[in-house]
N, C-alpha and C. Protein backbone atom coordinates (compact mmCIF):
# COMPACT_ATOMS: atom_id res chain seq x y z
N UNK A 1 19.10 56.15 -10.91
CA UNK A 1 18.53 54.67 -11.87
C UNK A 1 17.87 53.44 -10.43
N UNK A 2 16.75 53.39 -10.45
CA UNK A 2 16.44 52.56 -9.64
C UNK A 2 16.41 50.85 -9.94
N UNK A 3 16.85 49.59 -9.09
CA UNK A 3 16.60 48.50 -9.52
C UNK A 3 16.01 47.96 -8.51
N UNK A 4 15.82 47.06 -9.28
CA UNK A 4 14.67 45.76 -8.67
C UNK A 4 15.44 44.48 -8.42
N UNK A 5 14.54 43.76 -7.69
CA UNK A 5 15.12 42.62 -7.19
C UNK A 5 15.19 41.26 -8.58
N UNK A 6 16.61 40.81 -8.99
CA UNK A 6 16.29 40.35 -10.38
C UNK A 6 17.04 40.81 -11.06
N UNK A 7 17.17 42.19 -10.98
CA UNK A 7 18.06 42.59 -12.47
C UNK A 7 19.53 42.20 -12.27
N UNK A 8 20.02 42.27 -13.58
CA UNK A 8 21.17 41.91 -13.90
C UNK A 8 21.99 42.91 -14.27
N UNK A 9 22.91 43.15 -12.90
CA UNK A 9 23.35 45.00 -12.93
C UNK A 9 25.26 44.64 -13.26
N UNK A 10 25.90 45.79 -13.37
CA UNK A 10 27.04 45.92 -13.40
C UNK A 10 27.78 46.78 -12.82
N UNK A 11 29.08 46.82 -12.22
CA UNK A 11 29.94 47.92 -11.73
C UNK A 11 29.87 49.16 -13.33
N UNK A 12 29.45 50.17 -13.21
CA UNK A 12 29.93 51.62 -13.80
C UNK A 12 31.27 51.06 -15.08
N UNK A 13 32.35 51.03 -14.15
CA UNK A 13 33.62 50.68 -14.88
C UNK A 13 33.90 49.36 -15.51
N UNK A 14 32.47 48.60 -15.37
CA UNK A 14 32.68 47.40 -16.17
C UNK A 14 32.84 46.26 -14.99
N UNK A 15 33.18 44.95 -15.64
CA UNK A 15 33.42 43.65 -15.27
C UNK A 15 32.06 42.65 -15.05
N UNK A 16 32.33 41.66 -13.96
CA UNK A 16 31.42 40.51 -14.37
C UNK A 16 29.76 41.13 -13.88
N UNK A 17 28.75 40.63 -14.26
CA UNK A 17 27.39 40.98 -13.84
C UNK A 17 27.16 40.21 -12.98
N UNK A 18 26.40 41.01 -11.74
CA UNK A 18 25.80 40.78 -10.20
C UNK A 18 24.17 40.52 -10.48
N UNK A 19 23.13 39.70 -9.87
CA UNK A 19 22.28 39.88 -9.52
C UNK A 19 21.73 40.41 -8.83
N UNK A 20 20.69 41.37 -8.67
CA UNK A 20 20.18 42.42 -7.47
C UNK A 20 19.31 41.46 -6.69
N UNK A 21 20.07 41.17 -5.47
CA UNK A 21 19.48 40.32 -4.46
C UNK A 21 18.02 40.96 -3.78
N UNK A 22 18.65 42.66 -3.08
CA UNK A 22 17.95 43.16 -2.17
C UNK A 22 18.23 44.56 -2.80
N UNK A 23 17.41 45.68 -2.60
CA UNK A 23 17.34 46.87 -2.63
C UNK A 23 16.98 47.61 -1.19
N UNK A 24 17.31 48.09 -0.44
CA UNK A 24 17.02 48.61 0.93
C UNK A 24 17.99 49.93 1.51
N UNK A 25 17.72 50.31 2.37
CA UNK A 25 18.20 51.86 3.02
C UNK A 25 19.75 51.88 2.91
N UNK A 26 20.81 51.02 2.67
CA UNK A 26 21.97 51.10 2.66
C UNK A 26 22.33 51.12 1.74
N UNK A 27 21.58 50.43 -0.01
CA UNK A 27 22.35 50.14 -1.23
C UNK A 27 21.69 49.14 -2.26
N UNK A 28 22.14 48.92 -2.43
CA UNK A 28 21.66 47.93 -3.77
C UNK A 28 22.40 46.61 -3.64
N UNK A 29 22.04 45.09 -2.66
CA UNK A 29 22.85 44.27 -2.62
C UNK A 29 22.39 43.10 -3.56
N UNK A 30 24.04 43.04 -4.11
CA UNK A 30 23.98 42.04 -5.50
C UNK A 30 24.50 40.46 -4.64
N UNK A 31 24.45 39.66 -5.74
CA UNK A 31 25.09 38.40 -5.34
C UNK A 31 25.45 38.13 -6.71
N UNK A 32 26.47 37.32 -6.56
CA UNK A 32 27.44 36.55 -7.65
C UNK A 32 28.23 35.15 -7.15
N UNK A 33 28.04 34.11 -8.17
CA UNK A 33 28.94 33.19 -7.86
C UNK A 33 30.48 32.93 -7.56
N UNK A 34 31.27 32.87 -6.76
CA UNK A 34 32.86 32.57 -6.88
C UNK A 34 33.31 31.07 -6.66
N UNK A 35 32.93 30.35 -8.13
CA UNK A 35 33.23 29.29 -7.86
C UNK A 35 32.14 28.40 -7.32
N UNK A 36 31.99 27.64 -6.18
CA UNK A 36 30.94 27.29 -5.68
C UNK A 36 30.29 28.10 -4.90
N UNK A 37 30.89 29.39 -4.03
CA UNK A 37 30.44 30.15 -3.01
C UNK A 37 29.72 31.13 -3.82
N UNK A 38 28.80 31.47 -3.22
CA UNK A 38 27.86 32.81 -3.25
C UNK A 38 28.39 33.99 -2.63
N UNK A 39 28.23 34.91 -2.96
CA UNK A 39 29.33 36.10 -2.58
C UNK A 39 28.01 36.94 -2.56
N UNK A 40 28.07 38.54 -1.25
CA UNK A 40 26.91 39.22 -1.42
C UNK A 40 27.96 40.67 -1.02
N UNK A 41 27.58 41.71 -2.14
CA UNK A 41 27.90 42.95 -1.24
C UNK A 41 27.19 44.18 -1.41
N UNK A 42 27.21 45.22 -1.22
CA UNK A 42 26.29 46.36 -1.27
C UNK A 42 26.98 47.31 -1.98
N UNK A 43 26.45 48.12 -3.01
CA UNK A 43 26.80 49.05 -3.52
C UNK A 43 25.89 49.89 -3.89
N UNK A 44 26.41 51.62 -3.72
CA UNK A 44 25.35 52.68 -4.19
C UNK A 44 24.59 52.55 -5.01
N UNK A 45 23.73 52.83 -5.65
CA UNK A 45 22.87 52.96 -6.86
C UNK A 45 23.64 53.64 -8.15
N UNK A 46 24.25 54.35 -7.69
CA UNK A 46 25.49 55.86 -8.67
C UNK A 46 26.49 54.75 -8.92
N UNK A 47 26.85 54.12 -8.40
CA UNK A 47 27.94 52.79 -8.83
C UNK A 47 27.40 51.56 -9.88
N UNK A 48 26.07 51.23 -9.85
CA UNK A 48 25.80 50.34 -10.81
C UNK A 48 25.16 50.92 -12.22
N UNK A 49 25.36 50.03 -13.26
CA UNK A 49 24.08 50.26 -14.02
C UNK A 49 23.58 48.67 -14.85
N UNK A 50 22.61 48.79 -15.37
CA UNK A 50 22.04 47.45 -15.70
C UNK A 50 23.26 46.79 -16.89
N UNK A 51 23.45 45.63 -16.73
CA UNK A 51 24.14 44.93 -17.75
C UNK A 51 23.44 44.77 -19.21
N UNK A 52 22.27 44.55 -19.08
CA UNK A 52 21.58 44.40 -20.42
C UNK A 52 20.71 45.91 -20.64
N UNK A 53 21.22 46.50 -21.24
CA UNK A 53 20.16 47.65 -21.44
C UNK A 53 18.91 47.02 -21.88
N UNK A 54 17.83 48.04 -21.76
CA UNK A 54 16.82 47.63 -21.98
C UNK A 54 16.80 47.01 -23.83
N UNK A 55 15.50 46.46 -23.93
CA UNK A 55 15.15 46.30 -25.47
C UNK A 55 14.64 47.46 -26.32
N UNK A 56 15.40 47.49 -27.15
CA UNK A 56 14.52 48.67 -27.92
C UNK A 56 13.75 48.93 -29.22
N UNK A 57 13.92 47.69 -29.84
CA UNK A 57 13.94 47.03 -30.90
C UNK A 57 13.63 45.88 -30.89
N UNK A 58 12.81 45.37 -31.91
CA UNK A 58 12.63 44.08 -31.88
C UNK A 58 12.54 43.65 -33.50
N UNK A 59 13.26 42.68 -34.01
CA UNK A 59 13.38 42.69 -35.60
C UNK A 59 12.66 41.10 -35.63
N UNK A 60 12.06 40.96 -36.69
CA UNK A 60 11.88 39.33 -37.27
C UNK A 60 12.56 39.28 -38.45
N UNK A 61 13.08 37.89 -38.20
CA UNK A 61 13.87 37.30 -39.57
C UNK A 61 12.85 36.17 -39.62
N UNK A 62 13.03 36.20 -41.18
CA UNK A 62 12.29 34.80 -41.87
C UNK A 62 13.69 33.96 -42.57
N UNK A 63 13.41 32.80 -41.92
CA UNK A 63 14.33 31.88 -42.58
C UNK A 63 13.54 30.99 -43.79
N UNK A 64 14.13 30.95 -44.36
CA UNK A 64 13.99 30.02 -45.60
C UNK A 64 14.25 28.62 -45.77
N UNK A 65 13.88 27.60 -45.17
CA UNK A 65 14.58 26.64 -45.01
C UNK A 65 15.25 25.74 -46.24
N UNK A 66 14.70 26.44 -47.45
CA UNK A 66 15.27 25.75 -48.69
C UNK A 66 16.50 26.50 -49.18
N UNK A 67 16.82 27.53 -48.25
CA UNK A 67 18.21 28.16 -48.89
C UNK A 67 18.90 28.04 -47.86
N UNK A 68 20.23 27.67 -48.18
CA UNK A 68 21.51 27.05 -47.37
C UNK A 68 22.37 28.57 -47.24
N UNK A 69 23.10 28.39 -46.40
CA UNK A 69 23.54 30.35 -46.17
C UNK A 69 24.69 29.89 -47.24
């Protein structure tokens, strides 16, 4: 899978999401916050997956303001 700057990713094993900061010949550089500190780490693309999969279906919901739930 190829990632681009700004993608929200996470490790295949799960965990907190990261933001892709850069993609280079060393791997995918991600960033996240640890309290007030910004941290960076490089992972191989095979270790990551998109944190939010692509939108595959959009549904329209019509709400009647006169009806109460």
